[in-house]
Amino acid sequence: MNQDGDEAGSDPPDRTPGPALPPATPVPRPPWLKVTSLLAVVGIVAWPILALLGLLGAVPATTVVDVGIVAAALAYVSIRRIKYDRAIAVFQADPPTTTPTDSIRTPRPRAGRRSGRPRA
């Protein structure tokens, strides 16, 4: 028995790729998003270096913490906006076939007690 759980003499599993995925929908990025995402990447790359310099005493600890907070905030905002833009692009490329009211059901009357009074 091999590591896949198959018998030693059995045929290898079929690992051919499935159907090709459609090309990604291009999403235009606003200029502020290009700047914030670039600054986030620079901050994420520079932060470990600043942390090391902070441990050596060459950079104040507050600077290291400030750069880390700003880089994390810029990355958070950039990622959220990119996800939002992609979701809009996917929705516009393939809108749902049902209307929002199709999923709303009217409530059925409950079986059992009909009044709010407790039983005796």
Foldseek 3Di string as FASTA:
>chain_A
DDPVPDDPPDDDDDDDDDDDDDDQDDFDDDPVLVVLVVLLVVLVVCLVVVVVCVVVVNDPPVVSVVSVVSSVVSNVVSVVVVVVRSVVRVCVVPPDPDDPCVVDDDDDDDPDDDDPDDDD
